[in-house]
């Protein structure tokens, strides 16, 4: 039986809706909450963060989403998981405006994530996936991840991701991911699971 949850490609025209979906979905994420402990600040700053990330990920990979914007995901293509140094420098002011005094924590999380990516293999990187709160628990997350896995497998590539949400680990395992490692962001940061689907 076909899954009735339709997943389609996102593009620049859909970027505002993708930003909104991910911003709503990540309000209570453990890593984001450690970077920005104040919920009011997360409501203001997450749209800025995803406003930076969405165009960058569209340029270096793909976005997958539902037509009704219940779910959105950002994927980086093989060989493009890391942000090049020059691009990071160009993002200096937008990142400062986004994170303010929390920029050091944000960069600490980003650096720790980069340090735990697999070495010696080509892979698709599931950078972000989020479901709007009112649509959670209805299968949208699994549908969008399966669509991305199908694309990666059609190219013979594995998919890598990390999560700081304990409840997500079993969900991803049910989709074919296995845990590569568990680790903590230094200086009291969140606990992460790095996972790979072959």
Protein backbone atom coordinates (compact mmCIF):
# COMPACT_ATOMS: atom_id res chain seq x y z
CA UNK A 1 0.00 0.00 0.00
CA UNK A 2 1.35 3.43 -0.91
CA UNK A 3 2.02 5.97 1.84
CA UNK A 4 -0.58 8.76 1.49
CA UNK A 5 1.88 11.30 2.86
CA UNK A 6 3.23 12.93 -0.30
CA UNK A 7 6.82 14.19 -0.21
CA UNK A 8 8.13 16.57 -2.88
CA UNK A 9 11.30 18.52 -3.58
CA UNK A 10 11.63 21.98 -2.10
CA UNK A 11 13.18 24.97 -3.85
CA UNK A 12 13.82 28.68 -3.32
CA UNK A 13 10.14 29.44 -3.83
CA UNK A 14 9.26 27.17 -0.87
CA UNK A 15 12.13 28.43 1.31
CA UNK A 16 9.98 30.66 3.58
CA UNK A 17 7.65 27.75 4.39
CA UNK A 18 10.62 25.42 4.98
CA UNK A 19 12.12 27.99 7.36
CA UNK A 20 8.82 28.30 9.22
CA UNK A 21 8.31 24.53 9.52
CA UNK A 22 11.83 23.90 10.84
CA UNK A 23 11.70 26.90 13.19
CA UNK A 24 8.49 25.60 14.77
CA UNK A 25 9.77 22.02 14.93
CA UNK A 26 13.03 22.88 16.70
CA UNK A 27 11.67 25.09 19.48
CA UNK A 28 12.26 22.38 22.11
CA UNK A 29 15.23 20.59 20.53
CA UNK A 30 17.85 19.78 23.22
CA UNK A 31 20.80 21.21 21.28
CA UNK A 32 18.99 24.39 20.25
CA UNK A 33 17.68 24.80 23.81
CA UNK A 34 21.25 24.55 25.15
CA UNK A 35 22.45 27.18 22.67
CA UNK A 36 19.44 29.44 23.29
CA UNK A 37 18.00 28.61 26.73
CA UNK A 38 15.32 31.31 26.60
CA UNK A 39 12.19 30.16 24.74
CA UNK A 40 11.36 33.71 23.63
CA UNK A 41 14.80 34.04 22.07
CA UNK A 42 14.34 30.74 20.23
CA UNK A 43 11.09 32.01 18.73
CA UNK A 44 12.90 35.08 17.42
CA UNK A 45 16.24 33.57 16.45
CA UNK A 46 15.36 30.20 14.92
CA UNK A 47 13.72 31.74 11.83
CA UNK A 48 16.95 33.73 11.33
CA UNK A 49 19.05 30.56 11.74
CA UNK A 50 16.99 28.54 9.27
CA UNK A 51 16.84 31.58 7.00
CA UNK A 52 20.63 31.21 6.68
CA UNK A 53 20.74 27.41 6.50
CA UNK A 54 17.93 26.77 4.03
CA UNK A 55 19.43 28.61 1.02
CA UNK A 56 22.86 27.18 1.82
CA UNK A 57 21.53 23.62 1.93
CA UNK A 58 19.45 24.11 -1.22
CA UNK A 59 22.66 25.20 -2.98
CA UNK A 60 24.68 22.24 -1.69
CA UNK A 61 22.05 19.51 -1.62
CA UNK A 62 18.28 19.38 -1.53
CA UNK A 63 15.17 20.05 0.50
CA UNK A 64 12.30 17.61 0.80
CA UNK A 65 8.90 18.68 2.14
CA UNK A 66 5.21 17.96 2.13
CA UNK A 67 2.97 20.15 -0.05
CA UNK A 68 1.01 21.22 3.05
CA UNK A 69 4.24 22.10 4.93
CA UNK A 70 3.65 19.56 7.70
CA UNK A 71 7.29 18.46 7.38
CA UNK A 72 10.53 19.80 5.90
CA UNK A 73 14.05 18.46 5.65
CA UNK A 74 17.43 19.77 4.51
CA UNK A 75 20.00 17.41 2.99
CA UNK A 76 23.60 18.03 1.96
CA UNK A 77 24.95 16.10 -1.01
CA UNK A 78 27.97 13.79 -0.84
CA UNK A 79 31.16 15.77 -0.36
CA UNK A 80 29.26 18.87 0.82
CA UNK A 81 28.47 18.08 4.45
CA UNK A 82 30.86 20.72 5.78
CA UNK A 83 30.52 24.46 5.25
CA UNK A 84 33.64 25.79 3.46
CA UNK A 85 35.77 28.26 5.43
CA UNK A 86 35.12 31.16 3.04
CA UNK A 87 31.38 30.62 3.29
CA UNK A 88 31.62 30.56 7.10
CA UNK A 89 33.52 33.85 7.03
CA UNK A 90 30.87 35.39 4.77
CA UNK A 91 28.23 34.29 7.28
CA UNK A 92 30.00 35.97 10.19
CA UNK A 93 27.66 38.94 10.55
CA UNK A 94 24.41 37.01 9.86
CA UNK A 95 25.46 34.42 12.45
CA UNK A 96 26.27 37.12 15.01
CA UNK A 97 22.89 38.72 14.36
CA UNK A 98 21.22 35.33 14.72
CA UNK A 99 22.88 34.07 17.88
CA UNK A 100 24.18 37.21 19.61
CA UNK A 101 25.97 36.28 22.83
CA UNK A 102 25.08 32.59 22.23
CA UNK A 103 27.32 32.44 19.12
CA UNK A 104 30.17 30.71 21.00
CA UNK A 105 27.83 27.91 22.10
CA UNK A 106 26.41 27.61 18.57
CA UNK A 107 29.90 27.35 17.08
CA UNK A 108 30.86 24.83 19.77
CA UNK A 109 27.95 22.58 18.80
CA UNK A 110 28.69 23.02 15.09
CA UNK A 111 32.38 22.20 15.57
CA UNK A 112 31.62 19.11 17.64
CA UNK A 113 29.15 17.90 15.01
CA UNK A 114 31.70 18.41 12.23
CA UNK A 115 34.27 16.45 14.24
CA UNK A 116 32.02 13.39 14.41
CA UNK A 117 31.20 13.03 10.72
CA UNK A 118 32.32 9.75 9.11
CA UNK A 119 35.73 9.68 7.47
CA UNK A 120 36.64 7.97 4.22
CA UNK A 121 33.13 7.53 2.80
CA UNK A 122 30.81 9.53 0.55
CA UNK A 123 27.39 10.06 2.09
CA UNK A 124 24.27 12.18 2.01
CA UNK A 125 23.93 14.22 5.20
CA UNK A 126 20.47 14.65 6.69
CA UNK A 127 21.17 18.09 8.14
CA UNK A 128 17.72 18.90 9.54
CA UNK A 129 14.29 17.32 9.58
CA UNK A 130 11.32 18.74 11.42
CA UNK A 131 7.57 18.32 11.70
CA UNK A 132 5.27 21.15 12.74
CA UNK A 133 3.97 20.51 16.28
CA UNK A 134 0.33 20.02 15.22
CA UNK A 135 1.41 17.38 12.66
CA UNK A 136 3.73 15.34 14.87
CA UNK A 137 2.96 11.68 15.49
CA UNK A 138 1.27 11.25 12.11
CA UNK A 139 4.13 9.67 10.16
CA UNK A 140 5.41 12.78 8.37
CA UNK A 141 8.95 12.50 9.76
CA UNK A 142 9.31 8.91 8.64
CA UNK A 143 7.86 9.71 5.22
CA UNK A 144 10.35 12.49 4.49
CA UNK A 145 13.33 10.48 5.76
CA UNK A 146 12.31 7.46 3.65
CA UNK A 147 12.10 9.72 0.59
CA UNK A 148 15.64 10.96 1.19
CA UNK A 149 16.92 7.44 1.83
CA UNK A 150 15.39 6.33 -1.46
CA UNK A 151 17.25 9.09 -3.31
CA UNK A 152 20.56 8.27 -1.60
CA UNK A 153 20.20 4.54 -2.23
CA UNK A 154 19.42 5.18 -5.89
CA UNK A 155 22.92 6.70 -6.03
CA UNK A 156 24.45 3.91 -3.93
CA UNK A 157 25.20 6.30 -1.06
CA UNK A 158 24.63 5.94 2.68
CA UNK A 159 22.95 8.63 4.79
CA UNK A 160 24.46 10.15 7.92
CA UNK A 161 22.72 12.17 10.63
CA UNK A 162 23.07 13.13 14.25
CA UNK A 163 20.42 13.75 16.86
CA UNK A 164 20.38 15.14 20.39
CA UNK A 165 16.82 13.93 21.03
CA UNK A 166 16.79 10.53 22.79
CA UNK A 167 13.31 9.64 21.48
CA UNK A 168 14.55 10.03 17.90
CA UNK A 169 17.16 7.27 18.20
CA UNK A 170 14.63 4.42 18.06
CA UNK A 171 12.67 6.17 15.32
CA UNK A 172 15.77 6.40 13.15
CA UNK A 173 16.74 2.80 13.94
CA UNK A 174 13.30 1.72 12.69
CA UNK A 175 14.12 3.52 9.43
CA UNK A 176 17.37 1.55 9.01
CA UNK A 177 19.93 3.71 10.79
CA UNK A 178 22.47 2.33 13.23
CA UNK A 179 24.33 4.20 15.96
CA UNK A 180 27.95 4.92 15.05
CA UNK A 181 28.84 6.75 18.26
CA UNK A 182 27.51 8.71 21.21
CA UNK A 183 29.25 11.85 22.37
CA UNK A 184 28.86 15.09 24.30
CA UNK A 185 29.49 18.65 23.21
CA UNK A 186 32.34 19.99 25.41
CA UNK A 187 31.72 22.34 28.34
CA UNK A 188 28.45 20.81 29.43
CA UNK A 189 26.81 20.70 26.02
CA UNK A 190 24.16 18.26 24.83
CA UNK A 191 24.56 14.54 24.25
CA UNK A 192 24.42 13.38 20.61
CA UNK A 193 24.00 10.15 18.71
CA UNK A 194 25.71 9.87 15.30
CA UNK A 195 23.87 7.44 13.01
CA UNK A 196 24.33 5.93 9.54
CA UNK A 197 21.98 4.13 7.15
CA UNK A 198 23.82 2.06 4.51
